[in-house]
Amino acid sequence: MSIRLVLLCAAATAARRGPGFPDPADPLDAGGIAKARGLRLEGPPPERVVTAPDGAARETAALLALSAREVEALADRDHGAWTGRGFDAIDPAALTGWFAAPAAAPPGGESMAAVAARVGPWLAGLDGRVLAITHAAVIRAAIAVALDVPVAATLAIDVAPLTSVVLSRRGRWRLQALRPR
């Protein structure tokens, strides 16, 4: 069985441009809309398109004129009590502690290991050519699971809005491309 998975990071929202923890309800901002409208996907067309269950991912798919199905496993990392808050609104000691151990979960939120744990079964069930519009944390988790590397190692990978990552599988997963926009 051959799989080609393109993971596309959703276009930007105002909250994702600043230092903080975005809210899943945040809409794309004007720059995100303009860049998504100008995006041309490379490679063979997908057989299926899926998105994270939030506004930014759905809006990105719509701007690309793609009909997509929402998949819960692609939801952005849950930032718990910090969701929707800028770094300046978080207790400095708590934020410093989280920066020292970013794989840990924010208060009431989700660790990167938990993200990888929900992304792994989704990856295992794929076949064919799939385009998944999701978020940086999910893309990093998918890379970690597919390549069997520690999730902490993927935190050093920059995944900006509209970055695409191409993973393929024929026997084992391979990272084919990481294309920033």
N, C-alpha and C. Protein backbone atom coordinates (compact mmCIF):
# COMPACT_ATOMS: atom_id res chain seq x y z
N MET A 1 0.84 -1.17 0.00
CA MET A 1 0.00 0.00 0.00
C MET A 1 0.89 1.24 0.00
N SER A 2 0.60 2.17 -0.89
CA SER A 2 1.35 3.41 -1.02
C SER A 2 0.53 4.58 -0.48
N ILE A 3 1.17 5.40 0.33
CA ILE A 3 0.50 6.56 0.92
C ILE A 3 1.32 7.80 0.62
N ARG A 4 0.61 8.86 0.24
CA ARG A 4 1.24 10.19 0.11
C ARG A 4 0.39 11.14 0.93
N LEU A 5 0.98 11.65 2.00
CA LEU A 5 0.29 12.55 2.92
C LEU A 5 0.93 13.93 2.85
N VAL A 6 0.12 14.92 2.50
CA VAL A 6 0.57 16.30 2.55
C VAL A 6 -0.10 16.94 3.75
N LEU A 7 0.71 17.40 4.68
CA LEU A 7 0.23 18.12 5.86
C LEU A 7 0.44 19.60 5.59
N LEU A 8 -0.63 20.36 5.53
CA LEU A 8 -0.56 21.79 5.26
C LEU A 8 -0.95 22.54 6.53
N CYS A 9 -0.07 23.42 6.98
CA CYS A 9 -0.38 24.22 8.16
C CYS A 9 -1.39 25.29 7.77
N ALA A 10 -2.46 25.41 8.53
CA ALA A 10 -3.51 26.38 8.24
C ALA A 10 -2.94 27.79 8.12
N ALA A 11 -3.62 28.62 7.36
CA ALA A 11 -3.21 30.02 7.18
C ALA A 11 -3.27 30.74 8.52
N ALA A 12 -2.67 31.92 8.56
CA ALA A 12 -2.49 32.65 9.81
C ALA A 12 -3.74 33.34 10.33
N THR A 13 -3.83 33.37 11.63
CA THR A 13 -4.80 34.19 12.35
C THR A 13 -4.00 35.26 13.08
N ALA A 14 -4.65 36.29 13.56
CA ALA A 14 -3.94 37.34 14.31
C ALA A 14 -3.24 36.75 15.52
N ALA A 15 -3.91 35.84 16.23
CA ALA A 15 -3.32 35.25 17.43
C ALA A 15 -2.10 34.39 17.11
N ARG A 16 -2.11 33.73 15.96
CA ARG A 16 -0.96 32.88 15.61
C ARG A 16 0.25 33.69 15.18
N ARG A 17 0.04 34.93 14.85
CA ARG A 17 1.17 35.80 14.47
C ARG A 17 1.90 36.35 15.69
N GLY A 18 1.20 36.44 16.80
CA GLY A 18 1.80 37.02 18.00
C GLY A 18 2.23 35.95 18.97
N PRO A 19 2.94 36.36 20.01
CA PRO A 19 3.36 35.38 21.02
C PRO A 19 2.18 35.05 21.94
N GLY A 20 1.72 33.83 21.88
CA GLY A 20 0.61 33.43 22.71
C GLY A 20 0.03 32.09 22.30
N PHE A 21 -1.14 31.83 22.81
CA PHE A 21 -1.80 30.54 22.63
C PHE A 21 -3.13 30.76 21.92
N PRO A 22 -3.22 30.42 20.65
CA PRO A 22 -4.41 30.73 19.85
C PRO A 22 -5.66 30.00 20.34
N ASP A 23 -6.78 30.59 20.00
CA ASP A 23 -8.09 30.02 20.29
C ASP A 23 -8.56 29.32 19.01
N PRO A 24 -9.09 28.11 19.12
CA PRO A 24 -9.58 27.41 17.92
C PRO A 24 -10.65 28.18 17.15
N ALA A 25 -11.32 29.13 17.80
CA ALA A 25 -12.37 29.91 17.14
C ALA A 25 -11.83 31.10 16.37
N ASP A 26 -10.53 31.39 16.49
CA ASP A 26 -9.96 32.55 15.81
C ASP A 26 -10.10 32.43 14.29
N PRO A 27 -10.60 33.48 13.64
CA PRO A 27 -10.69 33.47 12.17
C PRO A 27 -9.35 33.84 11.55
N LEU A 28 -9.19 33.53 10.28
CA LEU A 28 -7.99 33.96 9.56
C LEU A 28 -7.95 35.48 9.53
N ASP A 29 -6.75 36.03 9.54
CA ASP A 29 -6.64 37.49 9.41
C ASP A 29 -6.47 37.83 7.93
N ALA A 30 -6.43 39.11 7.61
CA ALA A 30 -6.36 39.54 6.21
C ALA A 30 -5.14 38.98 5.50
N GLY A 31 -4.00 38.97 6.18
CA GLY A 31 -2.78 38.41 5.56
C GLY A 31 -2.91 36.92 5.32
N GLY A 32 -3.49 36.20 6.27
CA GLY A 32 -3.70 34.77 6.10
C GLY A 32 -4.62 34.46 4.94
N ILE A 33 -5.68 35.25 4.81
CA ILE A 33 -6.62 35.08 3.70
C ILE A 33 -5.93 35.32 2.37
N ALA A 34 -5.18 36.41 2.28
CA ALA A 34 -4.50 36.75 1.02
C ALA A 34 -3.49 35.67 0.63
N LYS A 35 -2.72 35.20 1.59
CA LYS A 35 -1.71 34.18 1.28
C LYS A 35 -2.35 32.85 0.91
N ALA A 36 -3.44 32.49 1.58
CA ALA A 36 -4.12 31.24 1.24
C ALA A 36 -4.71 31.32 -0.16
N ARG A 37 -5.28 32.46 -0.51
CA ARG A 37 -5.84 32.62 -1.87
C ARG A 37 -4.77 32.48 -2.94
N GLY A 38 -3.55 32.88 -2.63
CA GLY A 38 -2.47 32.82 -3.60
C GLY A 38 -1.73 31.49 -3.62
N LEU A 39 -2.07 30.58 -2.72
CA LEU A 39 -1.36 29.31 -2.62
C LEU A 39 -1.75 28.36 -3.75
N ARG A 40 -0.78 27.73 -4.35
CA ARG A 40 -1.01 26.68 -5.35
C ARG A 40 -0.37 25.41 -4.83
N LEU A 41 -1.17 24.39 -4.67
CA LEU A 41 -0.66 23.11 -4.17
C LEU A 41 0.14 22.41 -5.24
N GLU A 42 1.24 21.81 -4.82
CA GLU A 42 2.12 21.09 -5.75
C GLU A 42 1.85 19.60 -5.67
N GLY A 43 2.25 18.88 -6.70
CA GLY A 43 2.14 17.44 -6.70
C GLY A 43 0.80 16.94 -7.20
N PRO A 44 0.63 15.63 -7.15
CA PRO A 44 -0.62 15.04 -7.64
C PRO A 44 -1.79 15.45 -6.76
N PRO A 45 -2.98 15.55 -7.34
CA PRO A 45 -4.15 15.96 -6.54
C PRO A 45 -4.47 14.89 -5.48
N PRO A 46 -4.95 15.35 -4.33
CA PRO A 46 -5.31 14.38 -3.28
C PRO A 46 -6.59 13.64 -3.63
N GLU A 47 -6.70 12.43 -3.12
CA GLU A 47 -7.94 11.67 -3.25
C GLU A 47 -8.93 12.07 -2.15
N ARG A 48 -8.38 12.50 -1.00
CA ARG A 48 -9.18 12.94 0.12
C ARG A 48 -8.55 14.18 0.75
N VAL A 49 -9.40 15.07 1.23
CA VAL A 49 -8.94 16.26 1.94
C VAL A 49 -9.62 16.24 3.31
N VAL A 50 -8.81 16.43 4.35
CA VAL A 50 -9.33 16.47 5.71
C VAL A 50 -8.77 17.72 6.40
N THR A 51 -9.51 18.19 7.41
CA THR A 51 -9.06 19.36 8.15
C THR A 51 -9.19 19.13 9.65
N ALA A 52 -8.47 19.95 10.38
CA ALA A 52 -8.69 20.05 11.82
C ALA A 52 -10.08 20.65 12.02
N PRO A 53 -10.70 20.37 13.17
CA PRO A 53 -12.06 20.87 13.41
C PRO A 53 -12.09 22.29 13.98
N ASP A 54 -11.49 23.22 13.29
CA ASP A 54 -11.52 24.61 13.76
C ASP A 54 -11.62 25.55 12.58
N GLY A 55 -11.89 26.80 12.88
CA GLY A 55 -12.12 27.80 11.85
C GLY A 55 -10.96 28.01 10.91
N ALA A 56 -9.76 28.14 11.42
CA ALA A 56 -8.61 28.44 10.55
C ALA A 56 -8.39 27.34 9.52
N ALA A 57 -8.48 26.09 9.93
CA ALA A 57 -8.27 24.98 8.99
C ALA A 57 -9.40 24.92 7.97
N ARG A 58 -10.64 25.07 8.43
CA ARG A 58 -11.79 25.03 7.51
C ARG A 58 -11.75 26.21 6.53
N GLU A 59 -11.41 27.40 7.04
CA GLU A 59 -11.32 28.57 6.16
C GLU A 59 -10.21 28.39 5.12
N THR A 60 -9.09 27.81 5.53
CA THR A 60 -7.99 27.58 4.59
C THR A 60 -8.46 26.65 3.48
N ALA A 61 -9.14 25.57 3.83
CA ALA A 61 -9.66 24.63 2.82
C ALA A 61 -10.63 25.35 1.88
N ALA A 62 -11.52 26.16 2.43
CA ALA A 62 -12.50 26.87 1.61
C ALA A 62 -11.81 27.83 0.64
N LEU A 63 -10.78 28.54 1.11
CA LEU A 63 -10.06 29.48 0.24
C LEU A 63 -9.30 28.76 -0.88
N LEU A 64 -8.98 27.50 -0.64
CA LEU A 64 -8.32 26.69 -1.67
C LEU A 64 -9.34 25.95 -2.53
N ALA A 65 -10.62 26.23 -2.30
CA ALA A 65 -11.74 25.61 -3.04
C ALA A 65 -11.72 24.09 -2.90
N LEU A 66 -11.46 23.63 -1.67
CA LEU A 66 -11.40 22.20 -1.40
C LEU A 66 -12.55 21.80 -0.49
N SER A 67 -13.20 20.72 -0.82
CA SER A 67 -14.22 20.14 0.03
C SER A 67 -13.51 19.18 0.98
N ALA A 68 -13.69 19.39 2.28
CA ALA A 68 -12.94 18.60 3.25
C ALA A 68 -13.84 18.07 4.35
N ARG A 69 -13.37 16.99 4.95
CA ARG A 69 -14.03 16.38 6.11
C ARG A 69 -13.20 16.69 7.34
N GLU A 70 -13.86 17.07 8.43
CA GLU A 70 -13.15 17.35 9.68
C GLU A 70 -12.74 16.05 10.37
N VAL A 71 -11.55 16.06 10.95
CA VAL A 71 -11.03 14.91 11.66
C VAL A 71 -10.54 15.38 13.03
N GLU A 72 -11.12 14.86 14.09
CA GLU A 72 -10.76 15.28 15.46
C GLU A 72 -9.29 15.06 15.77
N ALA A 73 -8.69 14.01 15.24
CA ALA A 73 -7.27 13.73 15.52
C ALA A 73 -6.36 14.86 15.04
N LEU A 74 -6.86 15.70 14.13
CA LEU A 74 -6.05 16.79 13.58
C LEU A 74 -6.23 18.10 14.34
N ALA A 75 -7.00 18.09 15.43
CA ALA A 75 -7.23 19.30 16.22
C ALA A 75 -5.90 19.84 16.74
N ASP A 76 -5.79 21.16 16.81
CA ASP A 76 -4.59 21.78 17.35
C ASP A 76 -4.40 21.34 18.80
N ARG A 77 -3.20 21.47 19.28
CA ARG A 77 -2.88 21.16 20.67
C ARG A 77 -3.77 22.00 21.59
N ASP A 78 -4.36 21.36 22.59
CA ASP A 78 -5.20 22.05 23.56
C ASP A 78 -4.28 22.75 24.57
N HIS A 79 -4.39 24.07 24.62
CA HIS A 79 -3.54 24.84 25.53
C HIS A 79 -4.22 25.11 26.87
N GLY A 80 -5.34 24.44 27.13
CA GLY A 80 -5.99 24.51 28.42
C GLY A 80 -6.30 25.93 28.86
N ALA A 81 -5.92 26.26 30.08
CA ALA A 81 -6.21 27.57 30.68
C ALA A 81 -5.55 28.72 29.94
N TRP A 82 -4.56 28.43 29.12
CA TRP A 82 -3.84 29.48 28.40
C TRP A 82 -4.44 29.78 27.02
N THR A 83 -5.43 29.03 26.60
CA THR A 83 -6.04 29.23 25.28
C THR A 83 -6.56 30.65 25.13
N GLY A 84 -6.19 31.26 24.01
CA GLY A 84 -6.65 32.61 23.70
C GLY A 84 -5.90 33.72 24.42
N ARG A 85 -4.87 33.37 25.16
CA ARG A 85 -4.13 34.37 25.93
C ARG A 85 -2.74 34.60 25.34
N GLY A 86 -2.30 35.85 25.39
CA GLY A 86 -0.95 36.20 24.98
C GLY A 86 0.05 35.85 26.07
N PHE A 87 1.31 35.74 25.70
CA PHE A 87 2.33 35.43 26.70
C PHE A 87 2.33 36.44 27.84
N ASP A 88 2.03 37.69 27.53
CA ASP A 88 2.04 38.74 28.56
C ASP A 88 0.92 38.57 29.58
N ALA A 89 -0.08 37.72 29.29
CA ALA A 89 -1.19 37.49 30.21
C ALA A 89 -1.00 36.23 31.06
N ILE A 90 0.14 35.57 30.91
CA ILE A 90 0.43 34.33 31.64
C ILE A 90 1.43 34.65 32.75
N ASP A 91 1.26 34.01 33.90
CA ASP A 91 2.20 34.18 35.00
C ASP A 91 3.61 33.92 34.48
N PRO A 92 4.52 34.89 34.63
CA PRO A 92 5.88 34.74 34.07
C PRO A 92 6.61 33.48 34.54
N ALA A 93 6.43 33.11 35.80
CA ALA A 93 7.11 31.90 36.30
C ALA A 93 6.56 30.65 35.61
N ALA A 94 5.24 30.59 35.44
CA ALA A 94 4.62 29.43 34.77
C ALA A 94 5.06 29.36 33.31
N LEU A 95 5.10 30.51 32.66
CA LEU A 95 5.50 30.54 31.25
C LEU A 95 6.97 30.14 31.10
N THR A 96 7.82 30.64 31.99
CA THR A 96 9.24 30.28 31.96
C THR A 96 9.42 28.78 32.17
N GLY A 97 8.65 28.21 33.10
CA GLY A 97 8.71 26.77 33.33
C GLY A 97 8.28 25.97 32.12
N TRP A 98 7.25 26.45 31.44
CA TRP A 98 6.78 25.75 30.24
C TRP A 98 7.81 25.85 29.12
N PHE A 99 8.43 27.03 28.96
CA PHE A 99 9.48 27.17 27.94
C PHE A 99 10.65 26.24 28.23
N ALA A 100 10.93 26.01 29.50
CA ALA A 100 12.03 25.12 29.87
C ALA A 100 11.69 23.66 29.56
N ALA A 101 10.40 23.34 29.53
CA ALA A 101 9.95 21.97 29.23
C ALA A 101 8.74 22.05 28.32
N PRO A 102 8.93 22.50 27.06
CA PRO A 102 7.78 22.71 26.18
C PRO A 102 7.00 21.45 25.82
N ALA A 103 7.56 20.29 26.07
CA ALA A 103 6.82 19.07 25.80
C ALA A 103 5.76 18.82 26.88
N ALA A 104 5.88 19.54 28.01
CA ALA A 104 4.90 19.41 29.08
C ALA A 104 3.58 20.07 28.67
N ALA A 105 2.53 19.76 29.39
CA ALA A 105 1.21 20.33 29.08
C ALA A 105 1.02 21.66 29.81
N PRO A 106 0.42 22.64 29.14
CA PRO A 106 -0.01 23.84 29.86
C PRO A 106 -1.09 23.45 30.88
N PRO A 107 -1.39 24.27 31.87
CA PRO A 107 -2.41 23.92 32.87
C PRO A 107 -3.74 23.54 32.22
N GLY A 108 -4.16 22.30 32.47
CA GLY A 108 -5.42 21.82 31.92
C GLY A 108 -5.37 21.51 30.43
N GLY A 109 -4.18 21.56 29.85
CA GLY A 109 -4.03 21.35 28.41
C GLY A 109 -3.42 20.02 28.06
N GLU A 110 -2.86 19.98 26.89
CA GLU A 110 -2.39 18.73 26.28
C GLU A 110 -0.89 18.79 26.04
N SER A 111 -0.20 17.73 26.37
CA SER A 111 1.23 17.64 26.09
C SER A 111 1.44 17.25 24.62
N MET A 112 2.63 17.46 24.12
CA MET A 112 2.94 17.02 22.76
C MET A 112 2.87 15.50 22.65
N ALA A 113 3.20 14.79 23.72
CA ALA A 113 3.08 13.33 23.70
C ALA A 113 1.61 12.93 23.50
N ALA A 114 0.70 13.68 24.12
CA ALA A 114 -0.73 13.38 23.95
C ALA A 114 -1.18 13.67 22.52
N VAL A 115 -0.65 14.74 21.92
CA VAL A 115 -0.97 15.03 20.52
C VAL A 115 -0.49 13.88 19.64
N ALA A 116 0.74 13.43 19.87
CA ALA A 116 1.29 12.32 19.08
C ALA A 116 0.46 11.05 19.28
N ALA A 117 -0.02 10.83 20.50
CA ALA A 117 -0.81 9.63 20.78
C ALA A 117 -2.13 9.62 20.01
N ARG A 118 -2.72 10.78 19.74
CA ARG A 118 -3.96 10.79 18.96
C ARG A 118 -3.70 10.84 17.46
N VAL A 119 -2.56 11.38 17.06
CA VAL A 119 -2.22 11.45 15.63
C VAL A 119 -1.76 10.08 15.12
N GLY A 120 -1.08 9.32 15.96
CA GLY A 120 -0.54 8.02 15.54
C GLY A 120 -1.56 7.07 14.95
N PRO A 121 -2.67 6.80 15.64
CA PRO A 121 -3.68 5.90 15.07
C PRO A 121 -4.29 6.44 13.78
N TRP A 122 -4.44 7.75 13.69
CA TRP A 122 -4.95 8.34 12.44
C TRP A 122 -3.98 8.05 11.29
N LEU A 123 -2.69 8.26 11.53
CA LEU A 123 -1.69 7.96 10.49
C LEU A 123 -1.74 6.49 10.08
N ALA A 124 -1.88 5.62 11.06
CA ALA A 124 -1.88 4.18 10.79
C ALA A 124 -3.05 3.76 9.90
N GLY A 125 -4.14 4.53 9.92
CA GLY A 125 -5.32 4.18 9.13
C GLY A 125 -5.38 4.79 7.75
N LEU A 126 -4.34 5.51 7.34
CA LEU A 126 -4.37 6.19 6.04
C LEU A 126 -4.07 5.27 4.88
N ASP A 127 -4.57 5.65 3.72
CA ASP A 127 -4.17 5.03 2.46
C ASP A 127 -4.38 6.05 1.34
N GLY A 128 -3.71 5.86 0.23
CA GLY A 128 -3.87 6.74 -0.92
C GLY A 128 -3.21 8.10 -0.74
N ARG A 129 -3.75 9.09 -1.47
CA ARG A 129 -3.21 10.46 -1.44
C ARG A 129 -4.13 11.34 -0.60
N VAL A 130 -3.57 11.87 0.48
CA VAL A 130 -4.37 12.63 1.44
C VAL A 130 -3.74 14.01 1.66
N LEU A 131 -4.58 15.03 1.68
CA LEU A 131 -4.18 16.37 2.07
C LEU A 131 -4.85 16.65 3.41
N ALA A 132 -4.06 16.98 4.43
CA ALA A 132 -4.58 17.29 5.76
C ALA A 132 -4.20 18.72 6.12
N ILE A 133 -5.21 19.55 6.36
CA ILE A 133 -4.97 20.94 6.75
C ILE A 133 -5.13 21.01 8.26
N THR A 134 -4.04 21.34 8.94
CA THR A 134 -4.02 21.28 10.39
C THR A 134 -3.08 22.35 10.94
N HIS A 135 -2.40 22.07 12.04
CA HIS A 135 -1.60 23.08 12.73
C HIS A 135 -0.20 22.56 13.04
N ALA A 136 0.68 23.49 13.39
CA ALA A 136 2.09 23.17 13.59
C ALA A 136 2.31 22.04 14.59
N ALA A 137 1.63 22.06 15.73
CA ALA A 137 1.84 21.02 16.73
C ALA A 137 1.47 19.64 16.19
N VAL A 138 0.39 19.57 15.44
CA VAL A 138 -0.05 18.30 14.87
C VAL A 138 0.93 17.83 13.79
N ILE A 139 1.43 18.76 13.01
CA ILE A 139 2.40 18.40 11.97
C ILE A 139 3.68 17.88 12.61
N ARG A 140 4.15 18.55 13.66
CA ARG A 140 5.35 18.06 14.37
C ARG A 140 5.10 16.67 14.95
N ALA A 141 3.92 16.46 15.54
CA ALA A 141 3.59 15.15 16.12
C ALA A 141 3.55 14.08 15.03
N ALA A 142 2.98 14.41 13.88
CA ALA A 142 2.92 13.44 12.77
C ALA A 142 4.32 13.06 12.30
N ILE A 143 5.20 14.04 12.21
CA ILE A 143 6.59 13.76 11.82
C ILE A 143 7.24 12.83 12.85
N ALA A 144 7.03 13.13 14.14
CA ALA A 144 7.62 12.30 15.19
C ALA A 144 7.14 10.85 15.11
N VAL A 145 5.83 10.69 14.94
CA VAL A 145 5.26 9.34 14.86
C VAL A 145 5.74 8.63 13.60
N ALA A 146 5.66 9.30 12.47
CA ALA A 146 6.02 8.66 11.19
C ALA A 146 7.48 8.25 11.16
N LEU A 147 8.35 9.11 11.66
CA LEU A 147 9.79 8.82 11.57
C LEU A 147 10.33 8.15 12.82
N ASP A 148 9.45 7.90 13.79
CA ASP A 148 9.83 7.25 15.04
C ASP A 148 10.98 7.99 15.73
N VAL A 149 10.78 9.31 15.88
CA VAL A 149 11.75 10.14 16.60
C VAL A 149 11.03 10.74 17.81
N PRO A 150 11.79 11.15 18.82
CA PRO A 150 11.14 11.76 19.98
C PRO A 150 10.38 13.03 19.59
N VAL A 151 9.21 13.22 20.17
CA VAL A 151 8.42 14.41 19.88
C VAL A 151 9.22 15.67 20.21
N ALA A 152 10.00 15.62 21.28
CA ALA A 152 10.80 16.79 21.68
C ALA A 152 11.75 17.23 20.56
N ALA A 153 12.23 16.29 19.77
CA ALA A 153 13.14 16.63 18.66
C ALA A 153 12.43 17.47 17.60
N THR A 154 11.14 17.28 17.44
CA THR A 154 10.42 18.00 16.40
C THR A 154 10.08 19.43 16.81
N LEU A 155 10.24 19.76 18.08
CA LEU A 155 9.97 21.12 18.53
C LEU A 155 10.96 22.11 17.93
N ALA A 156 12.06 21.62 17.39
CA ALA A 156 13.05 22.48 16.74
C ALA A 156 12.73 22.71 15.26
N ILE A 157 11.63 22.18 14.78
CA ILE A 157 11.22 22.36 13.39
C ILE A 157 10.25 23.53 13.32
N ASP A 158 10.59 24.55 12.55
CA ASP A 158 9.68 25.67 12.36
C ASP A 158 8.61 25.28 11.35
N VAL A 159 7.36 25.47 11.73
CA VAL A 159 6.23 25.17 10.86
C VAL A 159 5.34 26.42 10.85
N ALA A 160 5.62 27.30 9.90
CA ALA A 160 4.86 28.54 9.78
C ALA A 160 3.53 28.28 9.05
N PRO A 161 2.60 29.23 9.14
CA PRO A 161 1.36 29.08 8.38
C PRO A 161 1.63 28.81 6.90
N LEU A 162 0.89 27.89 6.34
CA LEU A 162 0.94 27.44 4.94
C LEU A 162 2.21 26.67 4.58
N THR A 163 2.98 26.28 5.58
CA THR A 163 4.08 25.34 5.34
C THR A 163 3.47 23.99 5.01
N SER A 164 4.06 23.29 4.05
CA SER A 164 3.58 21.95 3.75
C SER A 164 4.69 20.94 4.02
N VAL A 165 4.27 19.81 4.54
CA VAL A 165 5.17 18.69 4.81
C VAL A 165 4.61 17.50 4.04
N VAL A 166 5.47 16.84 3.30
CA VAL A 166 5.05 15.67 2.52
C VAL A 166 5.68 14.43 3.13
N LEU A 167 4.83 13.52 3.56
CA LEU A 167 5.26 12.22 4.07
C LEU A 167 4.75 11.15 3.12
N SER A 168 5.55 10.15 2.88
CA SER A 168 5.09 9.04 2.04
C SER A 168 5.38 7.73 2.77
N ARG A 169 4.59 6.73 2.40
CA ARG A 169 4.80 5.43 3.02
C ARG A 169 4.63 4.33 1.98
N ARG A 170 5.63 3.56 1.87
CA ARG A 170 5.62 2.31 1.13
C ARG A 170 6.50 1.38 1.95
N GLY A 171 5.87 0.68 2.88
CA GLY A 171 6.63 -0.12 3.85
C GLY A 171 6.92 0.70 5.10
N ARG A 172 7.66 1.78 4.94
CA ARG A 172 7.96 2.66 6.09
C ARG A 172 7.77 4.11 5.67
N TRP A 173 7.57 4.96 6.65
CA TRP A 173 7.35 6.38 6.37
C TRP A 173 8.66 7.06 5.99
N ARG A 174 8.53 8.03 5.10
CA ARG A 174 9.66 8.87 4.69
C ARG A 174 9.20 10.32 4.65
N LEU A 175 10.10 11.21 5.05
CA LEU A 175 9.85 12.64 4.92
C LEU A 175 10.36 13.03 3.54
N GLN A 176 9.44 13.43 2.65
CA GLN A 176 9.83 13.78 1.29
C GLN A 176 10.13 15.25 1.14
N ALA A 177 9.40 16.10 1.86
CA ALA A 177 9.61 17.54 1.69
C ALA A 177 9.05 18.31 2.88
N LEU A 178 9.68 19.44 3.14
CA LEU A 178 9.19 20.42 4.10
C LEU A 178 9.33 21.74 3.39
N ARG A 179 8.19 22.31 2.99
CA ARG A 179 8.20 23.53 2.16
C ARG A 179 7.60 24.70 2.91
N PRO A 180 8.44 25.63 3.37
CA PRO A 180 7.87 26.84 3.99
C PRO A 180 7.28 27.75 2.93
N ARG A 181 6.31 28.55 3.31
CA ARG A 181 5.69 29.52 2.38
C ARG A 181 6.08 30.90 2.79
